[in-house]
Amino acid sequence: MITGTPHSFKWRLVRWLVLFETAAISLVIAIAVGLLWATGYLIDGYENGNIDVLTDAIVRDGQNNLVVQETPELARLRREVGEIWFIARDRAGHRLSEGAVPQAFAFATAGLDRMNDGRFRLSPDKDSRPEAVVKWVDSPAGNIQIFTGTEGQLTLRRLLLGTSGAFLTIFVPMLLLLALATIIVTPIVVRRMLAGLSHAAAHAAHIEFDQQGVQMPIKGVPAEFLPLVEAFNNALKRLDEGYARHKRFLAQAAHELRTPIAILNTRVATLPPSDGKARLIEDTNRLATLAGQLLDLQRLGKRTTPFCPLDLRALAERVIADLAPLAFAAGYEMSFDAADEPMIVLGDHSSLERALTNLVQNAIEHGGRRGKITFRVIAPARVEICDEGDGVPLAERERIFEPFSRLHPGGKGAGLGLSLVREIVHLHGGHVAIVDATSGGACFRIDLPPA
């Protein structure tokens, strides 16, 4: 029993892949930053420690002059480095300085207005950290140029802020592209990979209850779903075995019933004439008919001979000739209406004869023992058998074809006769239904495909 909407396999896979990609990228970034921090590579080679602190500390006063605001980071830098030096200026000519510029870099102060960015190094090693830098930065005081030393270190907070910025500008777009590719590609891949399973499911959807030996195909089914398909095939095999045992039991029971029924008929026939004898004969005939119907069901399920052309009109005449005496004895009139030319259909002679016989016997038994039973054969391949009894209510016209169905509690049931009729007609590709009769009774109509 399904309680709620089933989950989509492909979209759950997409969701997990996107979450995995996000976690993987974040983990790679965290590991890389952690390794760089732990090894000291970022700390030792970082040249903007002073500039980072001064960028946050330089502000403007009420006269728009550049001033230094003592921040916690600036105080910590002073404690760690001691005396710091810097020159800060803006493009409007405002200037702020502190400390003495080292003699080695004093020459650069005269050309600051002609510099954008600069790095000053005393060591000839190009990979070493410079001792002084010049940079234009965006600060609370606006865009300013700072010329200072590089004694400050990279703090973990600034590292995380810089990493988050890089994450937003570089890795988030990359992640969005990966997610978009995953959303587009994954459903296509899943559909192609599960094509074998879809084929097996479509095959299973057409399995009927009376088909034996049918198995779901396993070709192309992914290995992960193969146990499910094999379990389903094993279940079908067990159902086939149970169905075969059931059919063998019915056939054996029907065969076993024929002998005691025949003995019972013989003994009833030796009784002196009476109303009780007539009822006994009728009951034993019903038992014999039921046993014959059970055998017919078994033969119908094991049909091995191909259909052959037969004349529906001639078949109907033979059935009328056999059953007319029973109808007359039960108090009915019989009417047969058919065209003179043959009506050829492809079918099994004995099965179709049984279907027509069952419908006539049904009319005899349930027609109220009055009026006329009409048998019509209409071109190209239609048979109608109508009586003048009470008829079948519209709501019951489908249920009446179920085995042993009853229109009224305690009344006579239809046994297997009408169910067998439906099976035979469907086997021949036709259709059987109950339609309104002009006489007011029941009218059974069979339509078969003409040859």
Protein backbone atom coordinates (compact mmCIF):
# COMPACT_ATOMS: atom_id res chain seq x y z
CA MET A 1 0.00 0.00 0.00
CA ILE A 2 1.47 3.35 -1.08
CA THR A 3 1.04 6.09 1.51
CA GLY A 4 1.93 9.36 -0.17
CA THR A 5 3.71 10.34 -3.34
CA PRO A 6 6.59 8.00 -4.26
CA HIS A 7 10.06 9.51 -4.42
CA SER A 8 11.73 10.08 -7.78
CA PHE A 9 14.97 8.10 -7.99
CA LYS A 10 16.65 10.45 -10.46
CA TRP A 11 15.83 13.65 -8.58
CA ARG A 12 16.92 12.17 -5.28
CA LEU A 13 20.17 11.20 -7.03
CA VAL A 14 20.53 14.76 -8.38
CA ARG A 15 19.99 16.21 -4.92
CA TRP A 16 22.58 13.95 -3.33
CA LEU A 17 25.10 14.61 -6.10
CA VAL A 18 24.72 18.37 -5.70
CA LEU A 19 25.10 18.07 -1.92
CA PHE A 20 28.17 15.86 -2.40
CA GLU A 21 29.74 18.33 -4.84
CA THR A 22 29.13 21.21 -2.43
CA ALA A 23 30.60 19.29 0.48
CA ALA A 24 33.57 18.11 -1.61
CA ILE A 25 34.47 21.62 -2.83
CA SER A 26 34.09 23.08 0.66
CA LEU A 27 36.22 20.30 2.13
CA VAL A 28 38.95 20.81 -0.47
CA ILE A 29 39.03 24.55 0.27
CA ALA A 30 39.11 23.93 4.04
CA ILE A 31 41.93 21.38 3.74
CA ALA A 32 43.96 23.62 1.44
CA VAL A 33 43.59 26.64 3.70
CA GLY A 34 44.30 24.55 6.78
CA LEU A 35 47.49 23.11 5.26
CA LEU A 36 48.70 26.54 4.16
CA TRP A 37 47.98 27.93 7.60
CA ALA A 38 49.53 25.01 9.46
CA THR A 39 52.73 25.06 7.39
CA GLY A 40 53.09 28.81 7.85
CA TYR A 41 53.36 29.41 4.11
CA LEU A 42 50.66 32.05 4.12
CA ILE A 43 51.95 33.67 7.29
CA ASP A 44 55.60 33.83 6.30
CA GLY A 45 54.97 35.00 2.78
CA TYR A 46 52.15 37.43 3.50
CA GLU A 47 53.10 41.05 2.75
CA ASN A 48 49.86 42.93 3.43
CA GLY A 49 49.64 42.53 7.22
CA ASN A 50 50.29 46.22 7.93
CA ILE A 51 48.13 47.42 5.05
CA ASP A 52 45.18 45.29 6.23
CA VAL A 53 45.34 46.85 9.71
CA LEU A 54 45.85 50.42 8.45
CA THR A 55 43.05 50.09 5.88
CA ASP A 56 40.58 49.56 8.72
CA ALA A 57 42.16 52.10 11.05
CA ILE A 58 42.45 55.20 8.79
CA VAL A 59 39.29 57.32 8.77
CA ARG A 60 38.40 61.00 8.27
CA ASP A 61 37.67 63.61 10.90
CA GLY A 62 35.15 66.43 10.77
CA GLN A 63 37.42 68.51 8.51
CA ASN A 64 37.79 65.62 6.04
CA ASN A 65 41.38 65.06 7.10
CA LEU A 66 42.89 61.61 7.32
CA VAL A 67 43.32 60.40 10.91
CA VAL A 68 44.23 57.16 12.62
CA GLN A 69 41.59 55.41 14.70
CA GLU A 70 43.07 53.06 17.26
CA THR A 71 41.56 49.69 16.53
CA PRO A 72 42.21 46.44 18.44
CA GLU A 73 44.16 45.09 15.47
CA LEU A 74 46.31 48.25 15.29
CA ALA A 75 47.01 48.02 19.01
CA ARG A 76 48.02 44.38 18.63
CA LEU A 77 50.26 45.27 15.67
CA ARG A 78 51.99 47.94 17.74
CA ARG A 79 52.58 45.43 20.53
CA GLU A 80 53.95 42.78 18.21
CA VAL A 81 56.08 45.05 15.99
CA GLY A 82 56.82 47.98 18.23
CA GLU A 83 57.20 51.19 16.25
CA ILE A 84 55.42 51.15 12.93
CA TRP A 85 55.77 53.57 10.05
CA PHE A 86 53.43 54.47 7.19
CA ILE A 87 52.43 57.26 4.82
CA ALA A 88 48.80 57.48 3.73
CA ARG A 89 47.47 59.93 1.11
CA ASP A 90 44.44 60.40 -1.10
CA ARG A 91 44.09 61.88 -4.55
CA ALA A 92 42.89 65.21 -3.13
CA GLY A 93 46.25 65.81 -1.48
CA HIS A 94 45.35 64.88 2.10
CA ARG A 95 48.26 63.17 3.76
CA LEU A 96 48.85 61.25 7.00
CA SER A 97 52.06 59.72 8.26
CA GLU A 98 53.53 58.08 11.33
CA GLY A 99 57.01 56.94 12.19
CA ALA A 100 60.16 57.32 10.15
CA VAL A 101 60.46 55.75 6.74
CA PRO A 102 63.51 53.45 6.70
CA GLN A 103 66.48 55.11 5.01
CA ALA A 104 66.57 52.37 2.35
CA PHE A 105 63.08 53.35 1.15
CA ALA A 106 63.15 57.11 1.75
CA PHE A 107 63.73 57.78 -1.94
CA ALA A 108 60.26 56.40 -2.73
CA THR A 109 58.41 59.05 -0.77
CA ALA A 110 59.05 61.64 -3.44
CA GLY A 111 57.42 59.55 -6.16
CA LEU A 112 54.34 58.22 -4.38
CA ASP A 113 52.04 60.38 -6.48
CA ARG A 114 53.32 58.56 -9.56
CA MET A 115 52.93 55.03 -8.14
CA ASN A 116 49.99 52.66 -8.23
CA ASP A 117 51.46 49.62 -6.50
CA GLY A 118 55.01 48.88 -5.51
CA ARG A 119 57.11 46.32 -3.63
CA PHE A 120 60.48 47.14 -2.11
CA ARG A 121 62.88 44.34 -1.26
CA LEU A 122 66.37 44.50 0.24
CA SER A 123 67.16 40.85 -0.43
CA PRO A 124 68.08 39.77 -3.98
CA ASP A 125 65.82 36.71 -3.53
CA LYS A 126 62.76 37.38 -5.68
CA ASP A 127 60.68 34.87 -3.73
CA SER A 128 61.27 36.47 -0.34
CA ARG A 129 58.76 38.75 1.33
CA PRO A 130 59.39 42.49 0.56
CA GLU A 131 60.20 44.85 3.41
CA ALA A 132 57.86 47.64 2.19
CA VAL A 133 54.82 47.93 -0.10
CA VAL A 134 52.78 50.68 -1.72
CA LYS A 135 49.11 50.01 -2.50
CA TRP A 136 45.90 51.84 -3.26
CA VAL A 137 43.10 50.40 -1.10
CA ASP A 138 39.46 51.08 -0.31
CA SER A 139 39.13 52.10 3.34
CA PRO A 140 36.55 53.84 5.57
CA ALA A 141 38.27 57.06 4.47
CA GLY A 142 37.72 56.22 0.80
CA ASN A 143 40.30 55.21 -1.78
CA ILE A 144 43.73 55.94 -0.31
CA GLN A 145 47.35 55.05 -0.98
CA ILE A 146 49.35 53.43 1.83
CA PHE A 147 53.13 53.12 1.94
CA THR A 148 54.25 50.97 4.88
CA GLY A 149 56.27 48.01 6.06
CA THR A 150 55.34 44.33 5.99
CA GLU A 151 55.92 43.29 9.60
CA GLY A 152 52.27 42.37 10.25
CA GLN A 153 51.04 38.80 9.94
CA LEU A 154 48.00 37.31 8.28
CA THR A 155 45.29 36.69 10.88
CA LEU A 156 42.93 33.74 10.78
CA ARG A 157 39.93 36.07 10.61
CA ARG A 158 41.26 37.80 7.51
CA LEU A 159 42.16 34.46 5.99
CA LEU A 160 38.58 33.24 6.47
CA LEU A 161 37.17 36.50 5.12
CA GLY A 162 39.40 36.29 2.07
CA THR A 163 38.55 32.63 1.58
CA SER A 164 34.82 33.32 1.82
CA GLY A 165 35.19 36.07 -0.77
CA ALA A 166 37.04 33.72 -3.09
CA PHE A 167 34.41 31.09 -2.41
CA LEU A 168 31.62 33.45 -3.41
CA THR A 169 33.34 34.79 -6.50
CA ILE A 170 35.02 31.63 -7.80
CA PHE A 171 33.68 28.47 -6.25
CA VAL A 172 29.98 29.39 -6.05
CA PRO A 173 29.75 30.00 -9.83
CA MET A 174 31.72 26.80 -10.36
CA LEU A 175 29.34 24.94 -8.06
CA LEU A 176 26.33 26.40 -9.86
CA LEU A 177 27.70 25.20 -13.18
CA LEU A 178 28.33 21.74 -11.73
CA ALA A 179 24.83 21.64 -10.26
CA LEU A 180 23.30 22.71 -13.58
CA ALA A 181 25.29 20.05 -15.42
CA THR A 182 24.22 17.47 -12.83
CA ILE A 183 20.55 18.44 -13.16
CA ILE A 184 20.71 18.13 -16.95
CA VAL A 185 22.94 15.09 -17.31
CA THR A 186 21.79 12.88 -14.41
CA PRO A 187 18.17 12.34 -15.61
CA ILE A 188 19.49 11.43 -19.06
CA VAL A 189 22.01 8.98 -17.63
CA VAL A 190 19.46 7.48 -15.23
CA ARG A 191 16.91 7.07 -18.02
CA ARG A 192 19.46 5.31 -20.24
CA MET A 193 20.80 3.14 -17.42
CA LEU A 194 17.29 2.11 -16.31
CA ALA A 195 16.00 1.47 -19.83
CA GLY A 196 16.24 -2.28 -19.23
CA LEU A 197 14.25 -1.99 -16.00
CA SER A 198 11.61 0.15 -17.75
CA HIS A 199 11.34 -2.50 -20.47
CA ALA A 200 10.90 -5.20 -17.84
CA ALA A 201 8.21 -3.14 -16.07
CA ALA A 202 6.36 -2.56 -19.35
CA HIS A 203 6.52 -6.31 -20.00
CA ALA A 204 5.14 -7.04 -16.53
CA ALA A 205 2.24 -4.63 -17.09
CA HIS A 206 0.92 -6.90 -19.88
CA ILE A 207 1.06 -10.16 -17.90
CA GLU A 208 -2.43 -11.65 -17.56
CA PHE A 209 -3.55 -14.07 -14.88
CA ASP A 210 -4.07 -16.90 -17.38
CA GLN A 211 -0.60 -16.64 -18.94
CA GLN A 212 1.73 -19.35 -17.73
CA GLY A 213 5.49 -19.48 -18.12
CA VAL A 214 5.84 -15.70 -18.56
CA GLN A 215 8.98 -14.10 -17.11
CA MET A 216 10.21 -10.51 -16.96
CA PRO A 217 13.24 -9.98 -19.24
CA ILE A 218 16.53 -9.43 -17.41
CA LYS A 219 18.53 -8.23 -20.41
CA GLY A 220 19.70 -4.68 -19.83
CA VAL A 221 18.53 -4.59 -16.18
CA PRO A 222 21.20 -2.96 -13.94
CA ALA A 223 22.91 -5.34 -11.53
CA GLU A 224 21.54 -3.38 -8.55
CA PHE A 225 17.94 -4.12 -9.63
CA LEU A 226 18.56 -7.66 -10.88
CA PRO A 227 17.66 -9.30 -7.50
CA LEU A 228 14.26 -7.55 -7.59
CA VAL A 229 13.51 -8.76 -11.14
CA GLU A 230 14.70 -12.29 -10.34
CA ALA A 231 12.58 -12.35 -7.17
CA PHE A 232 9.57 -11.26 -9.23
CA ASN A 233 10.28 -13.97 -11.81
CA ASN A 234 10.56 -16.58 -9.04
CA ALA A 235 7.22 -15.37 -7.66
CA LEU A 236 5.66 -15.76 -11.13
CA LYS A 237 7.11 -19.26 -11.34
CA ARG A 238 5.61 -20.20 -7.97
CA LEU A 239 2.24 -18.75 -9.05
CA ASP A 240 2.42 -20.79 -12.26
CA GLU A 241 3.09 -23.94 -10.26
CA GLY A 242 0.20 -23.19 -7.89
CA TYR A 243 -2.11 -22.39 -10.81
CA ALA A 244 -1.13 -25.66 -12.53
CA ARG A 245 -1.82 -27.62 -9.33
CA HIS A 246 -5.18 -25.86 -9.03
CA LYS A 247 -6.13 -26.76 -12.59
CA ARG A 248 -5.03 -30.38 -12.14
CA PHE A 249 -7.13 -30.59 -9.00
CA LEU A 250 -10.21 -29.24 -10.79
CA ALA A 251 -9.72 -31.61 -13.71
CA GLN A 252 -9.25 -34.61 -11.43
CA ALA A 253 -12.23 -33.61 -9.30
CA ALA A 254 -14.42 -33.22 -12.40
CA HIS A 255 -13.33 -36.63 -13.70
CA GLU A 256 -13.95 -38.22 -10.34
CA LEU A 257 -17.41 -36.65 -10.16
CA ARG A 258 -18.56 -38.05 -13.50
CA THR A 259 -18.71 -41.65 -12.29
CA PRO A 260 -20.83 -41.08 -9.14
CA ILE A 261 -23.07 -38.69 -11.09
CA ALA A 262 -23.62 -41.33 -13.78
CA ILE A 263 -24.40 -43.92 -11.10
CA LEU A 264 -26.79 -41.45 -9.44
CA ASN A 265 -28.56 -40.82 -12.77
CA THR A 266 -28.98 -44.57 -13.30
CA ARG A 267 -30.44 -45.09 -9.86
CA VAL A 268 -32.80 -42.11 -10.19
CA ALA A 269 -33.99 -43.46 -13.54
CA THR A 270 -35.11 -46.70 -11.85
CA LEU A 271 -37.38 -44.84 -9.42
CA PRO A 272 -41.14 -44.89 -10.07
CA PRO A 273 -42.51 -41.74 -11.79
CA SER A 274 -43.24 -38.86 -9.40
CA ASP A 275 -42.65 -35.14 -8.90
CA GLY A 276 -39.69 -35.97 -6.67
CA LYS A 277 -38.13 -38.09 -9.43
CA ALA A 278 -38.42 -35.20 -11.90
CA ARG A 279 -36.69 -32.82 -9.48
CA LEU A 280 -33.97 -35.37 -8.80
CA ILE A 281 -33.38 -35.82 -12.52
CA GLU A 282 -33.13 -32.04 -12.93
CA ASP A 283 -30.64 -31.78 -10.04
CA THR A 284 -28.46 -34.61 -11.31
CA ASN A 285 -28.47 -33.03 -14.76
CA ARG A 286 -27.21 -29.81 -13.20
CA LEU A 287 -24.42 -31.77 -11.47
CA ALA A 288 -23.47 -33.42 -14.74
CA THR A 289 -23.47 -30.04 -16.48
CA LEU A 290 -21.25 -28.51 -13.77
CA ALA A 291 -18.75 -31.39 -14.05
CA GLY A 292 -18.72 -30.98 -17.82
CA GLN A 293 -18.13 -27.23 -17.47
CA LEU A 294 -15.15 -27.85 -15.19
CA LEU A 295 -13.65 -30.16 -17.80
CA ASP A 296 -14.37 -27.59 -20.49
CA LEU A 297 -12.47 -24.96 -18.52
CA GLN A 298 -9.45 -27.23 -18.34
CA ARG A 299 -9.58 -28.07 -22.03
CA LEU A 300 -9.98 -24.40 -22.85
CA GLY A 301 -6.86 -23.49 -20.87
CA LYS A 302 -4.79 -26.17 -22.60
CA ARG A 303 -5.91 -25.44 -26.18
CA THR A 304 -3.17 -26.56 -28.56
CA THR A 305 -5.03 -26.99 -31.85
CA PRO A 306 -5.22 -23.93 -34.17
CA PHE A 307 -8.52 -22.28 -35.04
CA CYS A 308 -10.15 -23.34 -38.29
CA PRO A 309 -12.94 -21.85 -40.42
CA LEU A 310 -16.45 -22.89 -39.39
CA ASP A 311 -19.98 -21.88 -40.28
CA LEU A 312 -21.58 -20.04 -37.38
CA ARG A 313 -25.06 -20.52 -38.82
CA ALA A 314 -24.65 -24.31 -39.14
CA LEU A 315 -23.26 -24.50 -35.62
CA ALA A 316 -26.27 -22.60 -34.26
CA GLU A 317 -28.70 -24.92 -36.09
CA ARG A 318 -27.03 -27.95 -34.50
CA VAL A 319 -27.29 -26.43 -31.01
CA ILE A 320 -31.00 -25.61 -31.57
CA ALA A 321 -31.68 -29.13 -32.79
CA ASP A 322 -30.08 -30.61 -29.66
CA LEU A 323 -31.74 -28.33 -27.12
CA ALA A 324 -35.16 -27.66 -28.61
CA PRO A 325 -36.70 -30.77 -26.96
CA LEU A 326 -35.49 -29.57 -23.55
CA ALA A 327 -36.95 -26.12 -24.17
CA PHE A 328 -40.31 -27.54 -25.28
CA ALA A 329 -40.40 -29.84 -22.26
CA ALA A 330 -39.76 -26.84 -19.97
CA GLY A 331 -42.74 -24.96 -21.47
CA TYR A 332 -41.01 -22.65 -23.99
CA GLU A 333 -41.51 -21.94 -27.64
CA MET A 334 -38.38 -21.81 -29.82
CA SER A 335 -37.64 -19.39 -32.64
CA PHE A 336 -34.61 -19.54 -34.94
CA ASP A 337 -33.82 -16.63 -37.26
CA ALA A 338 -30.76 -16.69 -39.54
CA ALA A 339 -29.80 -15.76 -43.07
CA ASP A 340 -29.49 -18.50 -45.69
CA GLU A 341 -25.82 -17.86 -46.55
CA PRO A 342 -22.98 -19.27 -44.39
CA MET A 343 -21.30 -17.01 -41.80
CA ILE A 344 -17.68 -18.07 -41.55
CA VAL A 345 -15.59 -17.42 -38.45
CA LEU A 346 -12.22 -18.76 -37.26
CA GLY A 347 -12.57 -20.75 -34.07
CA ASP A 348 -12.66 -23.99 -32.16
CA HIS A 349 -15.81 -25.94 -32.99
CA SER A 350 -16.37 -27.64 -29.64
CA SER A 351 -15.67 -24.46 -27.61
CA LEU A 352 -18.09 -22.28 -29.59
CA GLU A 353 -20.71 -25.03 -29.48
CA ARG A 354 -20.32 -25.17 -25.70
CA ALA A 355 -20.74 -21.36 -25.45
CA LEU A 356 -23.98 -21.35 -27.49
CA THR A 357 -25.25 -24.40 -25.59
CA ASN A 358 -24.63 -22.72 -22.25
CA LEU A 359 -26.55 -19.60 -23.30
CA VAL A 360 -29.55 -21.62 -24.46
CA GLN A 361 -29.48 -23.71 -21.26
CA ASN A 362 -29.27 -20.47 -19.24
CA ALA A 363 -32.34 -19.15 -21.05
CA ILE A 364 -34.20 -22.42 -20.36
CA GLU A 365 -33.31 -22.35 -16.66
CA HIS A 366 -33.82 -18.64 -15.96
CA GLY A 367 -36.42 -17.59 -18.53
CA GLY A 368 -39.34 -18.11 -16.20
CA ARG A 369 -40.58 -21.26 -18.05
CA ARG A 370 -42.84 -19.15 -20.20
CA GLY A 371 -42.87 -17.39 -23.53
CA LYS A 372 -40.40 -17.81 -26.35
CA ILE A 373 -36.66 -18.30 -26.59
CA THR A 374 -35.37 -16.56 -29.72
CA PHE A 375 -32.11 -17.58 -31.37
CA ARG A 376 -30.82 -15.17 -34.02
CA VAL A 377 -27.68 -15.36 -36.17
CA ILE A 378 -26.94 -11.99 -37.77
CA ALA A 379 -24.31 -11.22 -40.40
CA PRO A 380 -21.41 -10.88 -40.35
CA ALA A 381 -20.85 -12.86 -37.10
CA ARG A 382 -23.35 -11.99 -34.37
CA VAL A 383 -25.44 -14.32 -32.24
CA GLU A 384 -28.36 -13.24 -30.03
CA ILE A 385 -30.21 -15.54 -27.62
CA CYS A 386 -33.19 -13.85 -25.94
CA ASP A 387 -35.92 -14.98 -23.55
CA GLU A 388 -39.05 -13.40 -22.12
CA GLY A 389 -38.21 -13.80 -18.45
CA ASP A 390 -37.49 -11.19 -15.79
CA GLY A 391 -34.26 -10.01 -17.45
CA VAL A 392 -31.03 -8.87 -15.83
CA PRO A 393 -30.79 -5.46 -14.10
CA LEU A 394 -28.38 -3.06 -15.74
CA ALA A 395 -26.13 -2.90 -12.65
CA GLU A 396 -25.74 -6.69 -12.63
CA ARG A 397 -24.93 -7.26 -16.30
CA GLU A 398 -21.18 -7.46 -15.73
CA ARG A 399 -21.30 -9.41 -12.49
CA ILE A 400 -23.54 -12.07 -14.00
CA PHE A 401 -20.53 -13.44 -15.91
CA GLU A 402 -18.63 -14.15 -12.69
CA PRO A 403 -18.56 -17.83 -11.63
CA PHE A 404 -21.54 -18.89 -9.49
CA SER A 405 -23.00 -15.39 -9.40
CA ARG A 406 -26.58 -14.95 -8.18
CA LEU A 407 -28.99 -12.15 -9.03
CA HIS A 408 -30.99 -12.71 -5.85
CA PRO A 409 -29.86 -14.19 -2.50
CA GLY A 410 -31.09 -17.75 -2.25
CA GLY A 411 -31.89 -17.93 -5.95
CA LYS A 412 -30.31 -20.19 -8.51
CA GLY A 413 -26.83 -19.21 -9.55
CA ALA A 414 -25.38 -19.15 -13.04
CA GLY A 415 -22.77 -21.76 -12.13
CA LEU A 416 -19.79 -21.77 -14.48
CA GLY A 417 -21.86 -21.55 -17.65
CA LEU A 418 -21.78 -17.80 -18.30
CA SER A 419 -18.19 -17.48 -17.05
CA LEU A 420 -17.21 -20.19 -19.52
CA VAL A 421 -19.07 -18.36 -22.29
CA ARG A 422 -17.08 -15.20 -21.64
CA GLU A 423 -13.78 -17.10 -21.58
CA ILE A 424 -14.56 -18.81 -24.88
CA VAL A 425 -15.67 -15.59 -26.59
CA HIS A 426 -12.60 -13.67 -25.39
CA LEU A 427 -10.39 -16.52 -26.53
CA HIS A 428 -11.86 -16.05 -30.03
CA GLY A 429 -11.26 -12.28 -29.94
CA GLY A 430 -14.94 -11.49 -29.56
CA HIS A 431 -17.24 -9.78 -27.07
CA VAL A 432 -20.26 -10.96 -25.11
CA ALA A 433 -22.75 -8.69 -23.38
CA ILE A 434 -26.33 -8.49 -22.15
CA VAL A 435 -28.50 -6.03 -24.07
CA ASP A 436 -32.12 -4.94 -23.73
CA ALA A 437 -34.51 -7.40 -25.36
CA THR A 438 -37.67 -6.24 -27.10
CA SER A 439 -39.51 -8.94 -25.18
CA GLY A 440 -38.38 -7.48 -21.84
CA GLY A 441 -36.30 -10.49 -20.85
CA ALA A 442 -32.57 -11.12 -21.06
CA CYS A 443 -30.80 -10.99 -24.40
CA PHE A 444 -27.22 -12.28 -24.64
CA ARG A 445 -25.27 -10.97 -27.64
CA ILE A 446 -22.01 -12.45 -28.93
CA ASP A 447 -19.96 -10.60 -31.55
CA LEU A 448 -17.13 -12.55 -33.17
CA PRO A 449 -14.60 -11.34 -35.73
CA PRO A 450 -15.58 -12.71 -39.15
CA ALA A 451 -13.03 -14.80 -41.04
